[in-house]
PDB file of all heavy atoms in Angstrom:
ATOM      1  N   LEU A   1      74.703 -45.765 -38.677  1.00  0.00           N
ATOM      2  CA  LEU A   1      74.175 -45.625 -37.318  1.00  0.00           C
ATOM      3  C   LEU A   1      74.056 -46.983 -36.628  1.00  0.00           C
ATOM      4  O   LEU A   1      73.110 -47.243 -35.877  1.00  0.00           O
ATOM      5  CB  LEU A   1      72.820 -44.920 -37.322  1.00  0.00           C
ATOM      6  CG  LEU A   1      72.777 -43.491 -37.885  1.00  0.00           C
ATOM      7  CD1 LEU A   1      71.359 -42.943 -37.829  1.00  0.00           C
ATOM      8  CD2 LEU A   1      73.718 -42.580 -37.106  1.00  0.00           C
ATOM      9  N   SER A   2      75.024 -47.860 -36.883  1.00  0.00           N
ATOM     10  CA  SER A   2      74.982 -49.207 -36.305  1.00  0.00           C
ATOM     11  C   SER A   2      75.005 -49.171 -34.780  1.00  0.00           C
ATOM     12  O   SER A   2      74.468 -50.071 -34.123  1.00  0.00           O
ATOM     13  CB  SER A   2      76.161 -50.033 -36.819  1.00  0.00           C
ATOM     14  OG  SER A   2      77.397 -49.438 -36.448  1.00  0.00           O
ATOM     15  N   PHE A   3      75.609 -48.125 -34.210  1.00  0.00           N
ATOM     16  CA  PHE A   3      75.665 -48.021 -32.746  1.00  0.00           C
ATOM     17  C   PHE A   3      74.275 -47.806 -32.147  1.00  0.00           C
ATOM     18  O   PHE A   3      74.071 -48.017 -30.946  1.00  0.00           O
ATOM     19  CB  PHE A   3      76.617 -46.888 -32.329  1.00  0.00           C
ATOM     20  CG  PHE A   3      76.164 -45.513 -32.752  1.00  0.00           C
ATOM     21  CD1 PHE A   3      75.433 -44.705 -31.888  1.00  0.00           C
ATOM     22  CD2 PHE A   3      76.459 -45.026 -34.023  1.00  0.00           C
ATOM     23  CE1 PHE A   3      75.014 -43.433 -32.269  1.00  0.00           C
ATOM     24  CE2 PHE A   3      76.048 -43.765 -34.422  1.00  0.00           C
ATOM     25  CZ  PHE A   3      75.317 -42.967 -33.544  1.00  0.00           C
ATOM     26  N   ILE A   4      73.321 -47.394 -32.985  1.00  0.00           N
ATOM     27  CA  ILE A   4      71.921 -47.271 -32.544  1.00  0.00           C
ATOM     28  C   ILE A   4      71.112 -48.482 -33.000  1.00  0.00           C
ATOM     29  O   ILE A   4      70.346 -49.063 -32.220  1.00  0.00           O
ATOM     30  CB  ILE A   4      71.280 -45.978 -33.099  1.00  0.00           C
ATOM     31  CG1 ILE A   4      71.976 -44.748 -32.515  1.00  0.00           C
ATOM     32  CG2 ILE A   4      69.779 -45.950 -32.787  1.00  0.00           C
ATOM     33  CD1 ILE A   4      71.466 -43.444 -33.098  1.00  0.00           C
ATOM     34  N   LEU A   5      71.279 -48.870 -34.263  1.00  0.00           N
ATOM     35  CA  LEU A   5      70.460 -49.940 -34.826  1.00  0.00           C
ATOM     36  C   LEU A   5      70.739 -51.292 -34.192  1.00  0.00           C
ATOM     37  O   LEU A   5      69.803 -52.073 -33.925  1.00  0.00           O
ATOM     38  CB  LEU A   5      70.672 -50.027 -36.341  1.00  0.00           C
ATOM     39  CG  LEU A   5      70.108 -48.871 -37.170  1.00  0.00           C
ATOM     40  CD1 LEU A   5      70.417 -49.090 -38.651  1.00  0.00           C
ATOM     41  CD2 LEU A   5      68.604 -48.760 -36.967  1.00  0.00           C
ATOM     42  N   ALA A   6      71.998 -51.601 -33.937  1.00  0.00           N
ATOM     43  CA  ALA A   6      72.323 -52.918 -33.369  1.00  0.00           C
ATOM     44  C   ALA A   6      71.690 -53.103 -31.981  1.00  0.00           C
ATOM     45  O   ALA A   6      71.017 -54.117 -31.744  1.00  0.00           O
ATOM     46  CB  ALA A   6      73.836 -53.110 -33.317  1.00  0.00           C
ATOM     47  N   PRO A   7      71.864 -52.151 -31.039  1.00  0.00           N
ATOM     48  CA  PRO A   7      71.185 -52.308 -29.743  1.00  0.00           C
ATOM     49  C   PRO A   7      69.663 -52.294 -29.868  1.00  0.00           C
ATOM     50  O   PRO A   7      68.967 -52.999 -29.137  1.00  0.00           O
ATOM     51  CB  PRO A   7      71.671 -51.100 -28.937  1.00  0.00           C
ATOM     52  CG  PRO A   7      72.934 -50.671 -29.587  1.00  0.00           C
ATOM     53  CD  PRO A   7      72.759 -50.983 -31.037  1.00  0.00           C
ATOM     54  N   ALA A   8      69.139 -51.508 -30.831  1.00  0.00           N
ATOM     55  CA  ALA A   8      67.684 -51.442 -31.007  1.00  0.00           C
ATOM     56  C   ALA A   8      67.132 -52.787 -31.471  1.00  0.00           C
ATOM     57  O   ALA A   8      66.074 -53.235 -30.993  1.00  0.00           O
ATOM     58  CB  ALA A   8      67.324 -50.339 -32.001  1.00  0.00           C
ATOM     59  N   PHE A   9      67.830 -53.439 -32.389  1.00  0.00           N
ATOM     60  CA  PHE A   9      67.378 -54.760 -32.839  1.00  0.00           C
ATOM     61  C   PHE A   9      67.506 -55.789 -31.719  1.00  0.00           C
ATOM     62  O   PHE A   9      66.681 -56.704 -31.607  1.00  0.00           O
ATOM     63  CB  PHE A   9      68.180 -55.209 -34.066  1.00  0.00           C
ATOM     64  CG  PHE A   9      67.508 -54.890 -35.365  1.00  0.00           C
ATOM     65  CD1 PHE A   9      67.792 -53.716 -36.048  1.00  0.00           C
ATOM     66  CD2 PHE A   9      66.575 -55.766 -35.899  1.00  0.00           C
ATOM     67  CE1 PHE A   9      67.155 -53.418 -37.243  1.00  0.00           C
ATOM     68  CE2 PHE A   9      65.941 -55.475 -37.103  1.00  0.00           C
ATOM     69  CZ  PHE A   9      66.231 -54.297 -37.779  1.00  0.00           C
ATOM     70  N   LEU A  10      68.527 -55.644 -30.911  1.00  0.00           N
ATOM     71  CA  LEU A  10      68.680 -56.544 -29.766  1.00  0.00           C
ATOM     72  C   LEU A  10      67.521 -56.363 -28.789  1.00  0.00           C
ATOM     73  O   LEU A  10      66.954 -57.350 -28.276  1.00  0.00           O
ATOM     74  CB  LEU A  10      70.011 -56.266 -29.070  1.00  0.00           C
ATOM     75  CG  LEU A  10      70.571 -57.354 -28.154  1.00  0.00           C
ATOM     76  CD1 LEU A  10      70.753 -58.653 -28.910  1.00  0.00           C
ATOM     77  CD2 LEU A  10      71.897 -56.891 -27.555  1.00  0.00           C
ATOM     78  N   LEU A  11      67.162 -55.121 -28.539  1.00  0.00           N
ATOM     79  CA  LEU A  11      66.018 -54.831 -27.669  1.00  0.00           C
ATOM     80  C   LEU A  11      64.730 -55.399 -28.268  1.00  0.00           C
ATOM     81  O   LEU A  11      63.898 -55.978 -27.543  1.00  0.00           O
ATOM     82  CB  LEU A  11      65.887 -53.324 -27.471  1.00  0.00           C
ATOM     83  CG  LEU A  11      64.660 -52.844 -26.674  1.00  0.00           C
ATOM     84  CD1 LEU A  11      64.688 -53.397 -25.251  1.00  0.00           C
ATOM     85  CD2 LEU A  11      64.593 -51.318 -26.663  1.00  0.00           C
ATOM     86  N   LEU A  12      64.566 -55.250 -29.578  1.00  0.00           N
ATOM     87  CA  LEU A  12      63.366 -55.774 -30.232  1.00  0.00           C
ATOM     88  C   LEU A  12      63.278 -57.289 -30.071  1.00  0.00           C
ATOM     89  O   LEU A  12      62.198 -57.830 -29.816  1.00  0.00           O
ATOM     90  CB  LEU A  12      63.384 -55.406 -31.718  1.00  0.00           C
ATOM     91  CG  LEU A  12      62.179 -55.889 -32.540  1.00  0.00           C
ATOM     92  CD1 LEU A  12      60.906 -55.200 -32.075  1.00  0.00           C
ATOM     93  CD2 LEU A  12      62.405 -55.640 -34.030  1.00  0.00           C
ATOM     94  N   THR A  13      64.409 -57.969 -30.214  1.00  0.00           N
ATOM     95  CA  THR A  13      64.434 -59.421 -30.042  1.00  0.00           C
ATOM     96  C   THR A  13      63.961 -59.812 -28.647  1.00  0.00           C
ATOM     97  O   THR A  13      63.153 -60.720 -28.467  1.00  0.00           O
ATOM     98  CB  THR A  13      65.852 -59.964 -30.282  1.00  0.00           C
ATOM     99  OG1 THR A  13      66.321 -59.536 -31.557  1.00  0.00           O
ATOM    100  CG2 THR A  13      65.871 -61.473 -30.213  1.00  0.00           C
ATOM    101  N   ILE A  14      64.482 -59.104 -27.648  1.00  0.00           N
ATOM    102  CA  ILE A  14      64.109 -59.395 -26.257  1.00  0.00           C
ATOM    103  C   ILE A  14      62.618 -59.157 -26.033  1.00  0.00           C
ATOM    104  O   ILE A  14      61.924 -59.982 -25.417  1.00  0.00           O
ATOM    105  CB  ILE A  14      64.951 -58.528 -25.297  1.00  0.00           C
ATOM    106  CG1 ILE A  14      66.432 -58.939 -25.375  1.00  0.00           C
ATOM    107  CG2 ILE A  14      64.432 -58.635 -23.865  1.00  0.00           C
ATOM    108  CD1 ILE A  14      67.376 -58.006 -24.645  1.00  0.00           C
ATOM    109  N   LEU A  15      62.109 -58.047 -26.554  1.00  0.00           N
ATOM    110  CA  LEU A  15      60.692 -57.726 -26.355  1.00  0.00           C
ATOM    111  C   LEU A  15      59.789 -58.711 -27.097  1.00  0.00           C
ATOM    112  O   LEU A  15      58.723 -59.083 -26.593  1.00  0.00           O
ATOM    113  CB  LEU A  15      60.412 -56.301 -26.838  1.00  0.00           C
ATOM    114  CG  LEU A  15      61.017 -55.176 -25.996  1.00  0.00           C
ATOM    115  CD1 LEU A  15      60.731 -53.821 -26.634  1.00  0.00           C
ATOM    116  CD2 LEU A  15      60.460 -55.210 -24.577  1.00  0.00           C
ATOM    117  N   PHE A  16      60.220 -59.144 -28.282  1.00  0.00           N
ATOM    118  CA  PHE A  16      59.427 -60.118 -29.025  1.00  0.00           C
ATOM    119  C   PHE A  16      59.303 -61.426 -28.256  1.00  0.00           C
ATOM    120  O   PHE A  16      58.213 -61.997 -28.123  1.00  0.00           O
ATOM    121  CB  PHE A  16      60.070 -60.387 -30.389  1.00  0.00           C
ATOM    122  CG  PHE A  16      59.438 -59.613 -31.515  1.00  0.00           C
ATOM    123  CD1 PHE A  16      60.228 -59.007 -32.487  1.00  0.00           C
ATOM    124  CD2 PHE A  16      58.065 -59.499 -31.616  1.00  0.00           C
ATOM    125  CE1 PHE A  16      59.659 -58.300 -33.538  1.00  0.00           C
ATOM    126  CE2 PHE A  16      57.481 -58.789 -32.664  1.00  0.00           C
ATOM    127  CZ  PHE A  16      58.287 -58.190 -33.623  1.00  0.00           C
ATOM    128  N   VAL A  17      60.420 -61.921 -27.741  1.00  0.00           N
ATOM    129  CA  VAL A  17      60.381 -63.178 -26.991  1.00  0.00           C
ATOM    130  C   VAL A  17      59.579 -63.006 -25.704  1.00  0.00           C
ATOM    131  O   VAL A  17      58.831 -63.907 -25.303  1.00  0.00           O
ATOM    132  CB  VAL A  17      61.811 -63.676 -26.690  1.00  0.00           C
ATOM    133  CG1 VAL A  17      61.775 -64.897 -25.788  1.00  0.00           C
ATOM    134  CG2 VAL A  17      62.536 -64.008 -27.986  1.00  0.00           C
ATOM    135  N   ALA A  18      59.702 -61.849 -25.076  1.00  0.00           N
ATOM    136  CA  ALA A  18      58.924 -61.587 -23.860  1.00  0.00           C
ATOM    137  C   ALA A  18      57.424 -61.595 -24.164  1.00  0.00           C
ATOM    138  O   ALA A  18      56.617 -62.084 -23.364  1.00  0.00           O
ATOM    139  CB  ALA A  18      59.335 -60.250 -23.247  1.00  0.00           C
ATOM    140  N   THR A  19      57.055 -61.056 -25.325  1.00  0.00           N
ATOM    141  CA  THR A  19      55.640 -61.041 -25.708  1.00  0.00           C
ATOM    142  C   THR A  19      55.100 -62.450 -25.885  1.00  0.00           C
ATOM    143  O   THR A  19      54.001 -62.781 -25.422  1.00  0.00           O
ATOM    144  CB  THR A  19      55.443 -60.253 -27.014  1.00  0.00           C
ATOM    145  OG1 THR A  19      55.964 -58.936 -26.852  1.00  0.00           O
ATOM    146  CG2 THR A  19      53.970 -60.156 -27.369  1.00  0.00           C
ATOM    147  N   THR A  20      55.870 -63.307 -26.566  1.00  0.00           N
ATOM    148  CA  THR A  20      55.439 -64.694 -26.718  1.00  0.00           C
ATOM    149  C   THR A  20      55.383 -65.387 -25.359  1.00  0.00           C
ATOM    150  O   THR A  20      54.434 -66.118 -25.062  1.00  0.00           O
ATOM    151  CB  THR A  20      56.399 -65.457 -27.645  1.00  0.00           C
ATOM    152  OG1 THR A  20      56.284 -64.941 -28.961  1.00  0.00           O
ATOM    153  CG2 THR A  20      56.057 -66.935 -27.672  1.00  0.00           C
ATOM    154  N   GLY A  21      56.390 -65.161 -24.536  1.00  0.00           N
ATOM    155  CA  GLY A  21      56.432 -65.810 -23.225  1.00  0.00           C
ATOM    156  C   GLY A  21      55.257 -65.433 -22.351  1.00  0.00           C
ATOM    157  O   GLY A  21      54.626 -66.307 -21.722  1.00  0.00           O
ATOM    158  N   ASP A  22      54.932 -64.130 -22.277  1.00  0.00           N
ATOM    159  CA  ASP A  22      53.830 -63.738 -21.394  1.00  0.00           C
ATOM    160  C   ASP A  22      52.489 -64.227 -21.947  1.00  0.00           C
ATOM    161  O   ASP A  22      51.613 -64.660 -21.195  1.00  0.00           O
ATOM    162  CB  ASP A  22      53.819 -62.225 -21.135  1.00  0.00           C
ATOM    163  CG  ASP A  22      53.481 -61.373 -22.346  1.00  0.00           C
ATOM    164  OD1 ASP A  22      53.216 -61.939 -23.411  1.00  0.00           O
ATOM    165  OD2 ASP A  22      53.477 -60.135 -22.218  1.00  0.00           O
ATOM    166  N   SER A  23      52.322 -64.192 -23.265  1.00  0.00           N
ATOM    167  CA  SER A  23      51.076 -64.679 -23.865  1.00  0.00           C
ATOM    168  C   SER A  23      50.899 -66.172 -23.623  1.00  0.00           C
ATOM    169  O   SER A  23      49.788 -66.651 -23.345  1.00  0.00           O
ATOM    170  CB  SER A  23      51.059 -64.389 -25.368  1.00  0.00           C
ATOM    171  OG  SER A  23      51.135 -63.004 -25.610  1.00  0.00           O
ATOM    172  N   MET A  24      51.991 -66.918 -23.732  1.00  0.00           N
ATOM    173  CA  MET A  24      51.893 -68.367 -23.535  1.00  0.00           C
ATOM    174  C   MET A  24      51.705 -68.722 -22.063  1.00  0.00           C
ATOM    175  O   MET A  24      50.993 -69.674 -21.737  1.00  0.00           O
ATOM    176  CB  MET A  24      53.134 -69.060 -24.097  1.00  0.00           C
ATOM    177  CG  MET A  24      53.221 -69.028 -25.619  1.00  0.00           C
ATOM    178  SD  MET A  24      51.764 -69.739 -26.429  1.00  0.00           S
ATOM    179  CE  MET A  24      50.780 -68.258 -26.754  1.00  0.00           C
ATOM    180  N   ALA A  25      52.330 -67.985 -21.153  1.00  0.00           N
ATOM    181  CA  ALA A  25      52.095 -68.223 -19.722  1.00  0.00           C
ATOM    182  C   ALA A  25      50.627 -67.965 -19.393  1.00  0.00           C
ATOM    183  O   ALA A  25      49.989 -68.729 -18.648  1.00  0.00           O
ATOM    184  CB  ALA A  25      52.994 -67.313 -18.889  1.00  0.00           C
ATOM    185  N   TYR A  26      50.089 -66.904 -19.965  1.00  0.00           N
ATOM    186  CA  TYR A  26      48.673 -66.560 -19.786  1.00  0.00           C
ATOM    187  C   TYR A  26      47.782 -67.651 -20.370  1.00  0.00           C
ATOM    188  O   TYR A  26      46.800 -68.089 -19.742  1.00  0.00           O
ATOM    189  CB  TYR A  26      48.419 -65.216 -20.472  1.00  0.00           C
ATOM    190  CG  TYR A  26      47.002 -64.721 -20.461  1.00  0.00           C
ATOM    191  CD1 TYR A  26      46.467 -64.095 -19.336  1.00  0.00           C
ATOM    192  CD2 TYR A  26      46.198 -64.849 -21.587  1.00  0.00           C
ATOM    193  CE1 TYR A  26      45.159 -63.626 -19.337  1.00  0.00           C
ATOM    194  CE2 TYR A  26      44.895 -64.375 -21.591  1.00  0.00           C
ATOM    195  CZ  TYR A  26      44.380 -63.762 -20.466  1.00  0.00           C
ATOM    196  OH  TYR A  26      43.098 -63.303 -20.470  1.00  0.00           O
ATOM    197  N   THR A  27      48.133 -68.149 -21.567  1.00  0.00           N
ATOM    198  CA  THR A  27      47.313 -69.143 -22.246  1.00  0.00           C
ATOM    199  C   THR A  27      47.395 -70.498 -21.556  1.00  0.00           C
ATOM    200  O   THR A  27      46.398 -71.217 -21.451  1.00  0.00           O
ATOM    201  CB  THR A  27      47.746 -69.279 -23.717  1.00  0.00           C
ATOM    202  OG1 THR A  27      47.713 -67.988 -24.334  1.00  0.00           O
ATOM    203  CG2 THR A  27      46.828 -70.209 -24.465  1.00  0.00           C
ATOM    204  N   MET A  28      48.584 -70.881 -21.077  1.00  0.00           N
ATOM    205  CA  MET A  28      48.700 -72.148 -20.359  1.00  0.00           C
ATOM    206  C   MET A  28      47.893 -72.110 -19.063  1.00  0.00           C
ATOM    207  O   MET A  28      47.313 -73.112 -18.647  1.00  0.00           O
ATOM    208  CB  MET A  28      50.176 -72.469 -20.085  1.00  0.00           C
ATOM    209  CG  MET A  28      50.914 -72.942 -21.330  1.00  0.00           C
ATOM    210  SD  MET A  28      52.588 -73.530 -21.015  1.00  0.00           S
ATOM    211  CE  MET A  28      53.475 -71.974 -20.951  1.00  0.00           C
ATOM    212  N   GLY A  29      47.843 -70.919 -18.448  1.00  0.00           N
ATOM    213  CA  GLY A  29      46.985 -70.761 -17.281  1.00  0.00           C
ATOM    214  C   GLY A  29      45.521 -70.958 -17.642  1.00  0.00           C
ATOM    215  O   GLY A  29      44.760 -71.602 -16.898  1.00  0.00           O
ATOM    216  N   MET A  30      45.111 -70.440 -18.803  1.00  0.00           N
ATOM    217  CA  MET A  30      43.735 -70.639 -19.261  1.00  0.00           C
ATOM    218  C   MET A  30      43.453 -72.115 -19.513  1.00  0.00           C
ATOM    219  O   MET A  30      42.364 -72.621 -19.200  1.00  0.00           O
ATOM    220  CB  MET A  30      43.477 -69.829 -20.537  1.00  0.00           C
ATOM    221  CG  MET A  30      43.342 -68.336 -20.325  1.00  0.00           C
ATOM    222  SD  MET A  30      42.639 -67.474 -21.778  1.00  0.00           S
ATOM    223  CE  MET A  30      44.016 -67.548 -22.915  1.00  0.00           C
ATOM    224  N   ALA A  31      44.430 -72.816 -20.097  1.00  0.00           N
ATOM    225  CA  ALA A  31      44.227 -74.233 -20.408  1.00  0.00           C
ATOM    226  C   ALA A  31      44.104 -75.078 -19.139  1.00  0.00           C
ATOM    227  O   ALA A  31      43.422 -76.111 -19.137  1.00  0.00           O
ATOM    228  CB  ALA A  31      45.383 -74.748 -21.265  1.00  0.00           C
TER     229      ALA A  31
END
């Protein structure tokens, strides 16, 4: 099922980086 798993892992990568980015933008604002 690589046609499902490969895009899903790609989506997970994007969401993970977005989570770090939004948390750090929020934290830098706090600082």
